[in-house]
C-alpha cells in the first residue's frame, strides 16, 4: 500500500512541518474524528526525516494508539525504512540501543512510574533528532504524572494531538502554534463550500479526496 493523503491531511501536515522547520517546538493539533491521525502523524515524521529528524517518540496514555501505529508502519511501503519498537517488547531497551542509527518509531506508555529507568535509553537519544507525537493528549497525557514521563523523554519538539478539548491537552505548555481541522471543516470540504478550496488549483480533486 502507498499512503495518498486526503487534501485536508496534506494541508494540515504542511502547516505542522513548516512550523517545525521554522523553529516552533510545541504544536497543538485539534483534529476531528475520522481525520486519519495515525497515518497523518507517520507522514509528518517521514517528511521531517528529510530535515534531520530520526526518532518519532509516541507517548501514549490510551495504549490502543500504539497498536494502530504498529499496524500502519507495517502496512504502508512509505514507512518501510522505519523500525517500530513498542514499549512492551521484552527487549525494548536493547532494540532501541541496537537500532539507534536507523529511523525509529518508538512507543512509550505514560502509565510507567516516573522513577523507572525504562526510558533512559530514549532520554539518551539526540534531542535534536527527536520528535514527540502525543495522541489523545486530553485523555491523561496532561496529568502531572504523565508530564513527568514526557519530560524524561527529553523531546524538545512536541506535536500534541487531540480530537477535542485542545485547551486541556495543552494546559501548562508554552504553545507556539495551534492547528485545527474540525468535523465541520470536513463537511464543508465534502460539500465544496470550504474557503480553503479557493487556494487550491484542483478544487474537485480536493473535494473528491474527502
Protein backbone atom coordinates (compact mmCIF):
# COMPACT_ATOMS: atom_id res chain seq x y z
CA UNK A 1 0.00 0.00 0.00
CA UNK A 2 1.03 3.58 -0.68
CA UNK A 3 -0.14 6.44 1.50
CA UNK A 4 -2.03 9.04 -0.53
CA UNK A 5 -3.10 11.83 1.82
CA UNK A 6 -6.53 13.35 1.58
CA UNK A 7 -6.44 17.06 0.73
CA UNK A 8 -7.03 18.14 4.32
CA UNK A 9 -4.38 15.74 5.64
CA UNK A 10 -1.84 17.29 3.29
CA UNK A 11 -2.85 20.85 4.24
CA UNK A 12 -2.51 20.22 7.96
CA UNK A 13 0.72 18.23 7.55
CA UNK A 14 2.20 21.09 5.53
CA UNK A 15 1.30 23.55 8.29
CA UNK A 16 2.90 21.42 11.00
CA UNK A 17 6.06 20.59 9.03
CA UNK A 18 6.52 24.24 8.06
CA UNK A 19 6.12 25.32 11.68
CA UNK A 20 8.69 22.81 12.94
CA UNK A 21 11.15 23.77 10.20
CA UNK A 22 10.69 27.40 11.28
CA UNK A 23 11.68 26.50 14.84
CA UNK A 24 8.33 26.01 16.59
CA UNK A 25 8.60 23.47 19.42
CA UNK A 26 5.09 22.93 20.80
CA UNK A 27 2.30 22.47 18.26
CA UNK A 28 -1.26 21.67 19.22
CA UNK A 29 -3.39 19.81 16.69
CA UNK A 30 -7.14 19.53 17.25
CA UNK A 31 -8.14 17.03 14.58
CA UNK A 32 -11.64 15.72 14.05
CA UNK A 33 -12.73 12.12 14.40
CA UNK A 34 -12.11 10.21 11.14
CA UNK A 35 -9.26 12.56 10.27
CA UNK A 36 -6.81 9.68 10.00
CA UNK A 37 -4.36 10.85 12.66
CA UNK A 38 -2.15 7.75 12.72
CA UNK A 39 -1.16 7.77 9.06
CA UNK A 40 -1.03 11.55 9.08
CA UNK A 41 1.41 11.55 12.02
CA UNK A 42 3.65 8.97 10.36
CA UNK A 43 3.68 11.07 7.19
CA UNK A 44 4.64 14.19 9.17
CA UNK A 45 7.56 12.25 10.66
CA UNK A 46 8.52 10.90 7.22
CA UNK A 47 8.70 14.44 5.87
CA UNK A 48 10.73 15.61 8.85
CA UNK A 49 13.31 12.84 8.39
CA UNK A 50 14.42 14.88 5.37
CA UNK A 51 15.17 17.71 7.84
CA UNK A 52 17.37 15.56 10.08
CA UNK A 53 14.79 14.09 12.44
CA UNK A 54 15.40 10.42 13.14
CA UNK A 55 13.27 9.41 16.11
CA UNK A 56 9.49 9.64 16.45
CA UNK A 57 8.57 9.07 20.08
CA UNK A 58 4.91 8.19 20.63
CA UNK A 59 3.99 8.71 24.28
CA UNK A 60 0.55 7.19 24.85
CA UNK A 61 -1.94 7.26 27.69
CA UNK A 62 -4.55 5.46 25.59
CA UNK A 63 -2.48 2.43 24.71
CA UNK A 64 -4.62 1.23 21.80
CA UNK A 65 -2.94 4.03 19.82
CA UNK A 66 0.30 2.01 19.94
CA UNK A 67 -1.18 -0.95 18.09
CA UNK A 68 -2.61 1.38 15.45
CA UNK A 69 0.84 2.80 14.76
CA UNK A 70 2.37 -0.68 14.60
CA UNK A 71 -0.22 -1.78 12.04
CA UNK A 72 0.22 1.25 9.78
CA UNK A 73 4.04 1.15 9.83
CA UNK A 74 3.86 -2.47 8.70
CA UNK A 75 1.12 -1.90 6.10
CA UNK A 76 2.42 1.03 4.05
CA UNK A 77 5.55 0.91 1.92
CA UNK A 78 6.11 4.64 2.58
CA UNK A 79 7.31 3.65 6.05
CA UNK A 80 9.38 0.58 5.15
CA UNK A 81 12.57 2.22 6.40
CA UNK A 82 11.11 2.82 9.88
CA UNK A 83 11.94 0.44 12.70
CA UNK A 84 8.94 0.16 15.04
CA UNK A 85 9.65 -0.56 18.71
CA UNK A 86 6.82 -0.98 21.21
CA UNK A 87 7.08 -0.09 24.89
CA UNK A 88 6.06 -3.62 25.97
CA UNK A 89 8.58 -5.52 23.82
CA UNK A 90 10.58 -7.78 26.10
CA UNK A 91 13.88 -6.45 24.75
CA UNK A 92 12.69 -2.83 24.40
CA UNK A 93 15.86 -1.14 25.64
CA UNK A 94 18.15 -3.44 23.67
CA UNK A 95 16.15 -2.79 20.47
CA UNK A 96 16.40 0.97 20.83
CA UNK A 97 20.13 0.82 21.50
CA UNK A 98 20.79 -1.61 18.64
CA UNK A 99 18.82 0.44 16.09
CA UNK A 100 19.68 3.99 17.11
CA UNK A 101 21.40 4.63 13.76
CA UNK A 102 18.11 3.96 11.94
CA UNK A 103 14.81 5.82 11.71
CA UNK A 104 12.86 4.75 14.77
CA UNK A 105 9.20 4.91 15.73
CA UNK A 106 9.10 4.22 19.47
CA UNK A 107 6.00 3.99 21.64
CA UNK A 108 6.15 4.88 25.33
CA UNK A 109 3.41 4.15 27.83
CA UNK A 110 2.57 7.05 30.13
CA UNK A 111 1.49 4.58 32.80
CA UNK A 112 5.02 3.71 33.94
CA UNK A 113 6.47 5.06 37.19
CA UNK A 114 8.29 8.36 36.76
CA UNK A 115 11.29 6.90 38.60
CA UNK A 116 11.58 3.98 36.20
CA UNK A 117 14.80 3.68 34.19
CA UNK A 118 12.91 2.02 31.30
CA UNK A 119 13.04 5.12 29.11
CA UNK A 120 16.58 6.23 29.92
CA UNK A 121 17.54 4.79 26.53
CA UNK A 122 15.13 7.28 24.89
CA UNK A 123 16.40 10.14 27.04
CA UNK A 124 19.91 9.44 25.77
CA UNK A 125 18.96 9.76 22.09
CA UNK A 126 19.99 13.01 20.39
CA UNK A 127 17.32 15.55 21.40
CA UNK A 128 17.77 17.50 18.16
CA UNK A 129 16.68 14.42 16.22
CA UNK A 130 13.65 13.58 18.35
CA UNK A 131 10.00 14.41 17.76
CA UNK A 132 7.29 13.52 20.26
CA UNK A 133 3.84 12.89 18.80
CA UNK A 134 1.29 12.67 21.61
CA UNK A 135 -2.05 11.19 20.54
CA UNK A 136 -5.31 11.57 22.51
CA UNK A 137 -3.46 14.08 24.66
CA UNK A 138 -6.59 15.19 26.55
CA UNK A 139 -7.07 11.64 27.91
CA UNK A 140 -4.50 11.65 30.67
CA UNK A 141 -1.41 12.95 28.88
CA UNK A 142 -1.97 16.32 30.57
CA UNK A 143 -1.74 14.96 34.12
CA UNK A 144 1.19 15.62 36.43
CA UNK A 145 2.37 12.01 36.39
CA UNK A 146 2.26 11.89 32.60
CA UNK A 147 4.14 15.18 32.34
CA UNK A 148 6.94 13.69 34.43
CA UNK A 149 7.34 10.91 31.87
CA UNK A 150 7.12 13.32 28.95
CA UNK A 151 9.85 15.47 30.48
CA UNK A 152 12.03 12.41 30.95
CA UNK A 153 11.77 11.52 27.24
CA UNK A 154 13.61 14.78 26.51
CA UNK A 155 11.84 15.70 23.25
CA UNK A 156 12.02 19.47 22.67
CA UNK A 157 9.59 19.27 19.73
CA UNK A 158 6.11 18.03 20.60
CA UNK A 159 3.06 17.61 18.38
CA UNK A 160 0.13 17.37 20.79
CA UNK A 161 -2.89 15.77 19.10
CA UNK A 162 -6.46 15.54 20.29
CA UNK A 163 -9.93 15.26 18.86
CA UNK A 164 -11.48 17.55 21.45
CA UNK A 165 -10.55 19.64 24.49
CA UNK A 166 -7.39 21.12 22.99
CA UNK A 167 -7.24 23.60 25.88
CA UNK A 168 -6.89 20.77 28.41
CA UNK A 169 -4.38 18.89 26.27
CA UNK A 170 -2.14 21.97 26.03
CA UNK A 171 -2.54 23.21 29.60
CA UNK A 172 0.87 24.13 31.02
CA UNK A 173 2.64 24.23 27.67
CA UNK A 174 4.20 27.32 26.12
CA UNK A 175 2.44 26.74 22.81
CA UNK A 176 3.93 28.01 19.55
CA UNK A 177 1.12 27.06 17.17
CA UNK A 178 -2.35 25.55 17.16
CA UNK A 179 -3.75 23.86 14.06
CA UNK A 180 -7.38 22.78 13.84
CA UNK A 181 -9.43 20.70 11.44
CA UNK A 182 -12.96 20.08 12.67
CA UNK A 183 -15.70 17.74 11.55
CA UNK A 184 -17.49 20.82 10.25
CA UNK A 185 -14.43 21.61 8.12
CA UNK A 186 -14.68 18.12 6.70
CA UNK A 187 -18.35 18.54 5.84
CA UNK A 188 -17.74 21.92 4.21
CA UNK A 189 -14.98 20.41 2.08
CA UNK A 190 -17.12 17.45 1.08
CA UNK A 191 -19.91 19.82 0.04
CA UNK A 192 -17.50 22.03 -1.92
CA UNK A 193 -18.01 25.05 0.32
CA UNK A 194 -14.79 25.19 2.32
CA UNK A 195 -12.94 28.53 1.97
CA UNK A 196 -9.67 26.59 1.65
CA UNK A 197 -10.83 25.47 -1.79
CA UNK A 198 -10.22 28.99 -3.06
CA UNK A 199 -6.48 28.45 -2.56
CA UNK A 200 -6.05 25.17 -4.47
CA UNK A 201 -5.51 24.53 -8.16
CA UNK A 202 -7.74 21.47 -8.43
CA UNK A 203 -10.89 22.08 -6.39
CA UNK A 204 -12.60 18.90 -7.50
CA UNK A 205 -9.67 16.65 -6.58
CA UNK A 206 -9.64 18.16 -3.09
CA UNK A 207 -13.39 17.61 -2.73
CA UNK A 208 -13.17 14.06 -4.07
CA UNK A 209 -10.38 13.21 -1.60
CA UNK A 210 -12.94 13.62 1.15
